[in-house]
N, C-alpha and C. Protein backbone atom coordinates (compact mmCIF):
# COMPACT_ATOMS: atom_id res chain seq x y z
N UNK A 1 173.02 128.47 96.39
CA UNK A 1 172.95 128.19 94.99
C UNK A 1 174.15 128.85 94.40
N UNK A 2 175.03 128.16 93.70
CA UNK A 2 176.13 128.74 93.04
C UNK A 2 175.98 129.11 91.60
N UNK A 3 176.31 130.34 91.31
CA UNK A 3 176.21 130.79 90.03
C UNK A 3 177.60 130.83 89.33
N UNK A 4 177.62 130.23 88.08
CA UNK A 4 178.94 129.99 87.44
C UNK A 4 178.95 130.58 86.00
N UNK A 5 180.07 130.76 85.43
CA UNK A 5 180.25 131.07 84.10
C UNK A 5 179.88 130.03 83.10
N UNK A 6 179.49 130.42 81.92
CA UNK A 6 179.20 129.51 80.93
C UNK A 6 180.31 129.60 79.76
N UNK A 7 180.74 128.46 79.24
CA UNK A 7 181.56 128.50 78.12
C UNK A 7 180.88 127.98 76.81
N UNK A 8 181.57 128.15 75.72
CA UNK A 8 181.12 127.65 74.43
C UNK A 8 180.79 126.12 74.44
N UNK A 9 181.58 125.50 75.32
CA UNK A 9 181.40 124.02 75.50
C UNK A 9 179.94 123.67 75.96
N UNK A 10 179.37 124.61 76.72
CA UNK A 10 178.07 124.40 77.35
C UNK A 10 176.86 124.72 76.40
N UNK A 11 177.06 125.28 75.18
CA UNK A 11 176.12 125.74 74.29
C UNK A 11 175.12 124.70 73.97
N UNK A 12 175.56 123.45 73.75
CA UNK A 12 174.58 122.45 73.30
C UNK A 12 173.66 122.14 74.46
N UNK A 13 174.02 122.12 75.70
CA UNK A 13 173.25 121.95 76.91
C UNK A 13 172.35 123.15 77.11
N UNK A 14 172.93 124.31 76.94
CA UNK A 14 172.12 125.61 77.04
C UNK A 14 170.88 125.56 76.07
N UNK A 15 171.04 125.22 74.81
CA UNK A 15 170.03 125.27 73.89
C UNK A 15 169.02 124.17 74.28
N UNK A 16 169.37 123.12 74.79
CA UNK A 16 168.46 122.09 75.17
C UNK A 16 167.60 122.60 76.39
N UNK A 17 168.25 123.33 77.40
CA UNK A 17 167.46 123.96 78.43
C UNK A 17 166.55 124.99 77.93
N UNK A 18 166.98 125.75 76.96
CA UNK A 18 166.12 126.79 76.33
C UNK A 18 164.98 126.20 75.72
N UNK A 19 165.20 125.08 74.84
CA UNK A 19 164.00 124.56 74.17
C UNK A 19 163.11 123.82 75.13
N UNK A 20 163.51 123.15 76.05
CA UNK A 20 162.59 122.52 77.03
C UNK A 20 161.83 123.58 77.75
N UNK A 21 162.58 124.72 78.19
CA UNK A 21 161.78 125.72 78.86
C UNK A 21 160.77 126.33 77.99
N UNK A 22 161.11 126.77 76.79
CA UNK A 22 160.27 127.38 75.87
C UNK A 22 158.97 126.61 75.60
N UNK A 23 159.22 125.22 75.42
CA UNK A 23 158.12 124.36 75.09
C UNK A 23 157.17 124.35 76.30
N UNK A 24 157.68 124.43 77.57
CA UNK A 24 156.88 124.37 78.80
C UNK A 24 156.21 125.71 79.13
N UNK A 25 156.70 126.81 78.66
CA UNK A 25 156.18 128.14 79.07
C UNK A 25 155.72 129.02 78.00
N UNK A 26 155.98 128.79 76.74
CA UNK A 26 155.65 129.67 75.59
C UNK A 26 154.72 128.93 74.69
N UNK A 27 153.47 128.73 75.20
CA UNK A 27 152.43 128.05 74.43
C UNK A 27 152.11 128.58 73.13
N UNK A 28 152.38 129.96 73.02
CA UNK A 28 152.02 130.75 71.91
C UNK A 28 152.98 130.45 70.69
N UNK A 29 154.18 129.90 70.99
CA UNK A 29 155.12 129.63 69.95
C UNK A 29 154.86 128.30 69.26
N UNK A 30 154.88 128.27 67.96
CA UNK A 30 154.63 126.98 67.27
C UNK A 30 156.05 126.20 67.16
N UNK A 31 155.98 124.96 66.79
CA UNK A 31 157.24 124.19 66.58
C UNK A 31 158.06 124.91 65.46
N UNK A 32 157.40 125.43 64.46
CA UNK A 32 158.09 126.18 63.34
C UNK A 32 158.89 127.42 63.99
N UNK A 33 158.15 128.25 64.91
CA UNK A 33 158.75 129.24 65.59
C UNK A 33 159.99 128.91 66.37
N UNK A 34 159.92 127.70 67.04
CA UNK A 34 161.09 127.28 67.87
C UNK A 34 162.22 126.85 66.93
N UNK A 35 161.89 126.21 65.85
CA UNK A 35 162.83 125.87 64.89
C UNK A 35 163.56 126.97 64.20
N UNK A 36 162.82 128.10 64.01
CA UNK A 36 163.36 129.29 63.45
C UNK A 36 164.41 129.94 64.38
N UNK A 37 163.97 130.04 65.78
CA UNK A 37 164.87 130.57 66.74
C UNK A 37 166.03 129.79 67.27
N UNK A 38 165.99 128.54 67.17
CA UNK A 38 167.00 127.71 67.73
C UNK A 38 168.50 128.00 67.16
N UNK A 39 168.50 128.12 65.84
CA UNK A 39 169.89 128.35 65.23
C UNK A 39 170.34 129.77 65.50
N UNK A 40 169.37 130.73 65.61
CA UNK A 40 169.74 132.17 65.96
C UNK A 40 170.31 132.27 67.38
N UNK A 41 169.63 131.53 68.27
CA UNK A 41 170.11 131.68 69.58
C UNK A 41 171.50 130.92 69.74
N UNK A 42 171.56 129.73 69.22
CA UNK A 42 172.82 128.90 69.23
C UNK A 42 174.00 129.65 68.64
N UNK A 43 173.80 130.18 67.49
CA UNK A 43 174.87 130.69 66.61
C UNK A 43 175.12 132.21 66.77
N UNK A 44 174.17 132.92 67.34
CA UNK A 44 174.38 134.42 67.46
C UNK A 44 174.08 134.90 68.83
N UNK A 45 172.94 134.60 69.44
CA UNK A 45 172.53 135.33 70.66
C UNK A 45 173.32 134.92 71.76
N UNK A 46 173.76 133.62 71.98
CA UNK A 46 174.62 133.25 73.07
C UNK A 46 175.84 134.08 73.11
N UNK A 47 176.44 134.29 71.93
CA UNK A 47 177.73 135.04 71.89
C UNK A 47 177.57 136.49 72.16
N UNK A 48 176.24 137.04 72.09
CA UNK A 48 176.06 138.48 72.10
C UNK A 48 175.78 138.86 73.59
N UNK A 49 175.72 137.87 74.56
CA UNK A 49 175.33 138.18 75.92
C UNK A 49 176.36 137.67 76.86
N UNK A 50 176.32 138.18 78.10
CA UNK A 50 177.21 137.52 79.27
C UNK A 50 176.19 136.50 79.79
N UNK A 51 176.76 135.19 79.78
CA UNK A 51 175.98 134.14 80.15
C UNK A 51 176.36 133.64 81.63
N UNK A 52 175.40 133.30 82.48
CA UNK A 52 175.67 132.72 83.70
C UNK A 52 174.58 131.68 83.95
N UNK A 53 174.99 130.65 84.87
CA UNK A 53 174.15 129.53 84.96
C UNK A 53 174.26 128.99 86.47
N UNK A 54 173.30 128.24 86.72
CA UNK A 54 173.24 127.38 87.99
C UNK A 54 173.29 125.99 87.59
N UNK A 55 174.16 125.21 88.22
CA UNK A 55 174.30 123.80 87.96
C UNK A 55 173.97 122.87 89.15
N UNK A 56 173.49 121.73 88.94
CA UNK A 56 173.35 120.77 90.05
C UNK A 56 174.64 120.16 90.52
N UNK A 57 174.66 119.34 91.43
CA UNK A 57 175.85 118.61 92.00
C UNK A 57 176.51 117.91 90.90
N UNK A 58 175.94 117.50 89.84
CA UNK A 58 176.53 116.59 88.81
C UNK A 58 177.05 117.51 87.69
N UNK A 59 176.90 118.80 87.83
CA UNK A 59 177.43 119.72 86.74
C UNK A 59 176.43 120.09 85.73
N UNK A 60 175.26 119.52 85.69
CA UNK A 60 174.25 119.77 84.73
C UNK A 60 173.58 121.15 85.00
N UNK A 61 173.35 121.91 83.89
CA UNK A 61 172.74 123.23 83.94
C UNK A 61 171.36 123.16 84.23
N UNK A 62 170.90 123.82 85.27
CA UNK A 62 169.48 123.80 85.73
C UNK A 62 168.86 125.10 85.17
N UNK A 63 169.48 126.09 84.97
CA UNK A 63 168.98 127.27 84.46
C UNK A 63 170.10 128.34 84.12
N UNK A 64 169.75 129.27 83.20
CA UNK A 64 170.83 130.24 82.80
C UNK A 64 170.22 131.57 82.49
N UNK A 65 170.99 132.59 82.47
CA UNK A 65 170.62 133.96 82.01
C UNK A 65 171.54 134.51 81.18
N UNK A 66 171.19 135.43 80.41
CA UNK A 66 172.02 136.24 79.43
C UNK A 66 171.73 137.75 79.55
N UNK A 67 172.85 138.40 79.72
CA UNK A 67 172.67 139.89 79.90
C UNK A 67 173.52 140.67 78.85
N UNK A 68 172.91 141.76 78.39
CA UNK A 68 173.57 142.72 77.52
C UNK A 68 173.08 144.15 77.86
N UNK A 69 174.11 145.02 78.03
CA UNK A 69 173.69 146.47 78.25
C UNK A 69 172.52 146.74 79.28
N UNK A 70 172.66 146.11 80.30
CA UNK A 70 171.65 146.39 81.33
C UNK A 70 170.39 145.67 81.20
N UNK A 71 170.26 144.90 80.21
CA UNK A 71 168.97 144.25 79.89
C UNK A 71 169.12 142.68 80.04
N UNK A 72 168.15 142.16 80.74
CA UNK A 72 168.05 140.68 80.94
C UNK A 72 167.51 140.14 79.60
N UNK A 73 168.41 139.55 78.75
CA UNK A 73 167.91 139.19 77.49
C UNK A 73 167.42 137.77 77.50
N UNK A 74 167.95 136.95 78.47
CA UNK A 74 167.44 135.52 78.58
C UNK A 74 167.37 135.01 79.98
N UNK A 75 166.35 134.28 80.30
CA UNK A 75 166.31 133.65 81.69
C UNK A 75 165.39 132.37 81.29
N UNK A 76 166.12 131.29 81.45
CA UNK A 76 165.45 130.01 81.11
C UNK A 76 165.83 128.92 82.06
N UNK A 77 164.83 128.22 82.55
CA UNK A 77 165.00 127.20 83.63
C UNK A 77 164.53 125.83 83.12
N UNK A 78 165.25 124.77 83.41
CA UNK A 78 164.69 123.46 83.09
C UNK A 78 163.26 123.26 83.79
N UNK A 79 162.34 122.78 82.96
CA UNK A 79 160.96 122.70 83.53
C UNK A 79 160.82 121.95 84.82
N UNK A 80 161.61 120.89 84.93
CA UNK A 80 161.63 120.08 86.29
C UNK A 80 162.33 120.77 87.33
N UNK A 81 162.99 121.95 87.01
CA UNK A 81 163.66 122.67 88.15
C UNK A 81 163.01 124.04 88.47
N UNK A 82 161.90 124.22 87.87
CA UNK A 82 161.17 125.53 88.11
C UNK A 82 160.59 125.47 89.50
N UNK A 83 160.42 126.67 90.09
CA UNK A 83 159.87 126.69 91.52
C UNK A 83 160.87 126.35 92.56
N UNK A 84 162.05 126.36 92.25
CA UNK A 84 163.06 125.98 93.25
C UNK A 84 163.91 127.28 93.58
N UNK A 85 163.62 128.41 93.09
CA UNK A 85 164.38 129.62 93.33
C UNK A 85 165.57 129.86 92.37
N UNK A 86 165.65 129.11 91.40
CA UNK A 86 166.78 129.30 90.40
C UNK A 86 166.58 130.50 89.64
N UNK A 87 165.38 130.74 89.08
CA UNK A 87 165.20 131.93 88.39
C UNK A 87 165.34 133.18 89.16
N UNK A 88 164.88 133.18 90.38
CA UNK A 88 164.95 134.40 91.33
C UNK A 88 166.42 134.62 91.63
N UNK A 89 167.10 133.52 91.87
CA UNK A 89 168.62 133.75 92.23
C UNK A 89 169.39 134.36 90.97
N UNK A 90 169.13 133.78 89.82
CA UNK A 90 169.77 134.31 88.66
C UNK A 90 169.38 135.81 88.32
N UNK A 91 168.12 136.09 88.54
CA UNK A 91 167.61 137.40 88.36
C UNK A 91 168.20 138.35 89.23
N UNK A 92 168.30 138.09 90.52
CA UNK A 92 168.81 139.06 91.49
C UNK A 92 170.26 139.14 91.35
N UNK A 93 171.01 138.12 91.02
CA UNK A 93 172.43 138.14 90.58
C UNK A 93 172.62 139.10 89.52
N UNK A 94 171.79 139.01 88.41
CA UNK A 94 171.92 139.85 87.32
C UNK A 94 171.73 141.34 87.57
N UNK A 95 170.70 141.55 88.62
CA UNK A 95 170.53 142.99 89.02
C UNK A 95 171.64 143.44 89.84
N UNK A 96 172.10 142.70 90.89
CA UNK A 96 173.03 143.21 91.87
C UNK A 96 174.44 143.18 91.34
N UNK A 97 174.81 142.17 90.53
CA UNK A 97 176.21 141.97 90.12
C UNK A 97 176.46 142.50 88.59
N UNK A 98 175.46 142.46 87.82
CA UNK A 98 175.67 142.73 86.40
C UNK A 98 174.91 143.94 85.87
N UNK A 99 174.25 144.78 86.80
CA UNK A 99 173.66 145.98 86.45
C UNK A 99 172.43 145.89 85.61
N UNK A 100 171.65 144.79 85.74
CA UNK A 100 170.41 144.63 85.01
C UNK A 100 169.36 145.56 85.60
N UNK A 101 168.67 146.33 84.68
CA UNK A 101 167.56 147.11 85.15
C UNK A 101 166.36 147.12 84.21
N UNK A 102 166.59 146.29 83.12
CA UNK A 102 165.49 146.22 82.20
C UNK A 102 165.28 144.76 81.72
N UNK A 103 163.96 144.41 81.20
CA UNK A 103 163.85 143.16 80.64
C UNK A 103 162.55 143.23 79.79
N UNK A 104 162.45 142.47 78.69
CA UNK A 104 161.30 142.49 77.88
C UNK A 104 160.71 141.12 78.05
N UNK A 105 159.38 141.02 78.05
CA UNK A 105 158.60 139.90 78.27
C UNK A 105 157.55 139.68 77.14
N UNK A 106 157.30 138.42 76.68
CA UNK A 106 156.18 138.33 75.73
C UNK A 106 154.92 138.58 76.38
N UNK A 107 154.14 139.28 75.91
CA UNK A 107 152.87 139.71 76.46
C UNK A 107 151.98 138.35 76.61
N UNK A 108 152.21 137.39 75.84
CA UNK A 108 151.32 136.09 75.89
C UNK A 108 151.97 135.19 77.04
N UNK A 109 152.81 135.66 77.79
CA UNK A 109 153.50 134.84 78.88
C UNK A 109 153.29 135.50 80.17
N UNK A 110 151.93 135.48 80.70
CA UNK A 110 151.60 136.18 81.88
C UNK A 110 152.36 135.68 83.11
N UNK A 111 152.80 134.41 83.21
CA UNK A 111 153.51 133.98 84.29
C UNK A 111 154.81 134.58 84.41
N UNK A 112 155.58 134.83 83.32
CA UNK A 112 156.78 135.56 83.30
C UNK A 112 156.63 136.95 83.72
N UNK A 113 155.58 137.60 83.33
CA UNK A 113 155.35 138.98 83.66
C UNK A 113 155.13 139.00 85.21
N UNK A 114 154.32 138.11 85.67
CA UNK A 114 154.14 138.14 87.24
C UNK A 114 155.42 137.83 88.02
N UNK A 115 156.22 136.93 87.44
CA UNK A 115 157.54 136.69 87.97
C UNK A 115 158.41 138.01 88.12
N UNK A 116 158.47 138.67 87.06
CA UNK A 116 159.44 139.86 87.05
C UNK A 116 158.81 141.04 87.78
N UNK A 117 157.41 141.10 87.76
CA UNK A 117 156.81 142.08 88.75
C UNK A 117 157.03 141.79 90.18
N UNK A 118 157.14 140.47 90.43
CA UNK A 118 157.35 140.10 91.89
C UNK A 118 158.83 140.42 92.30
N UNK A 119 159.78 140.31 91.30
CA UNK A 119 161.17 140.69 91.56
C UNK A 119 161.21 142.20 91.79
N UNK A 120 160.41 142.96 91.06
CA UNK A 120 160.44 144.49 91.34
C UNK A 120 160.47 145.29 90.06
N UNK A 121 160.18 144.62 88.89
CA UNK A 121 160.04 145.31 87.68
C UNK A 121 158.66 145.76 87.40
N UNK A 122 158.54 146.91 86.57
CA UNK A 122 157.18 147.39 86.18
C UNK A 122 157.27 147.59 84.74
N UNK A 123 156.02 147.48 84.10
CA UNK A 123 155.78 147.66 82.68
C UNK A 123 155.98 149.24 82.36
N UNK A 124 156.83 149.57 81.40
CA UNK A 124 156.93 150.99 80.99
C UNK A 124 156.70 151.20 79.54
N UNK A 125 156.42 150.07 78.83
CA UNK A 125 156.16 150.19 77.34
C UNK A 125 155.69 148.93 76.75
N UNK A 126 155.40 149.03 75.44
CA UNK A 126 154.89 147.85 74.74
C UNK A 126 155.24 147.94 73.29
N UNK A 127 155.66 146.82 72.65
CA UNK A 127 155.88 146.81 71.18
C UNK A 127 154.97 145.73 70.59
N UNK A 128 154.44 145.97 69.43
CA UNK A 128 153.51 145.02 68.78
C UNK A 128 154.31 143.77 68.26
N UNK A 129 155.63 143.88 68.06
CA UNK A 129 156.46 142.82 67.38
C UNK A 129 157.64 142.49 68.25
N UNK A 130 158.03 141.17 68.17
CA UNK A 130 159.23 140.82 68.86
C UNK A 130 160.47 141.22 68.08
N UNK A 131 161.59 140.93 68.62
CA UNK A 131 162.85 141.24 68.03
C UNK A 131 163.08 140.80 66.61
N UNK A 132 162.44 139.70 66.17
CA UNK A 132 162.53 139.18 64.83
C UNK A 132 161.36 139.72 63.89
N UNK A 133 160.59 140.73 64.43
CA UNK A 133 159.56 141.25 63.62
C UNK A 133 158.31 140.39 63.50
N UNK A 134 158.27 139.43 64.46
CA UNK A 134 157.09 138.46 64.49
C UNK A 134 155.98 139.21 65.38
N UNK A 135 154.74 138.88 65.08
CA UNK A 135 153.60 139.43 65.82
C UNK A 135 153.37 138.85 67.22
N UNK A 136 154.48 138.78 67.97
CA UNK A 136 154.39 138.53 69.36
C UNK A 136 154.72 139.72 70.27
N UNK A 137 153.68 140.44 70.76
CA UNK A 137 153.94 141.62 71.37
C UNK A 137 154.76 141.59 72.61
N UNK A 138 155.71 142.54 72.76
CA UNK A 138 156.65 142.53 73.97
C UNK A 138 156.12 143.60 74.89
N UNK A 139 156.24 143.30 76.32
CA UNK A 139 156.16 144.31 77.32
C UNK A 139 157.71 144.71 77.69
N UNK A 140 157.78 145.99 77.76
CA UNK A 140 159.12 146.52 78.23
C UNK A 140 158.99 146.78 79.69
N UNK A 141 159.94 146.17 80.51
CA UNK A 141 159.79 146.38 81.94
C UNK A 141 161.18 147.04 82.38
N UNK A 142 161.09 147.89 83.44
CA UNK A 142 162.22 148.43 84.07
C UNK A 142 162.14 148.20 85.60
N UNK A 143 163.31 148.10 86.18
CA UNK A 143 163.25 147.87 87.68
C UNK A 143 162.72 149.09 88.37
N UNK A 144 161.71 148.80 89.28
CA UNK A 144 161.06 149.93 89.98
C UNK A 144 161.88 150.22 91.20
N UNK A 145 162.86 151.23 91.15
CA UNK A 145 163.76 151.61 92.26
C UNK A 145 163.25 152.71 93.07
């Protein structure tokens, strides 16, 4: 599985991967929440992280991650591509090549928590609110070395 860089030309495709992934995995978010987050991610958050992706043979993005200051800020996979090792590959790359040792997970997303625990992260803290101050508790995880 080849991990490649992402350019600004990919942002429209990235935001579609993000939205499809969130709709499939973040049942606790309303359409209003997604509509609130979409422009923030597209216009601010993508530029604030180092982005890497996995593409298929046709160049389509199957999944991507975003890293900043040792924190895995984003990891989103196309719903139809889940379970194929893309998330694990991106996460391990982020750890070994980009120095990731932390990740925050929505408490209402137990599958994501299980995924990160399987990779080797452990819960070290909790916040009542997400980064936008909304009442979506976050679990803070660190790599268990």
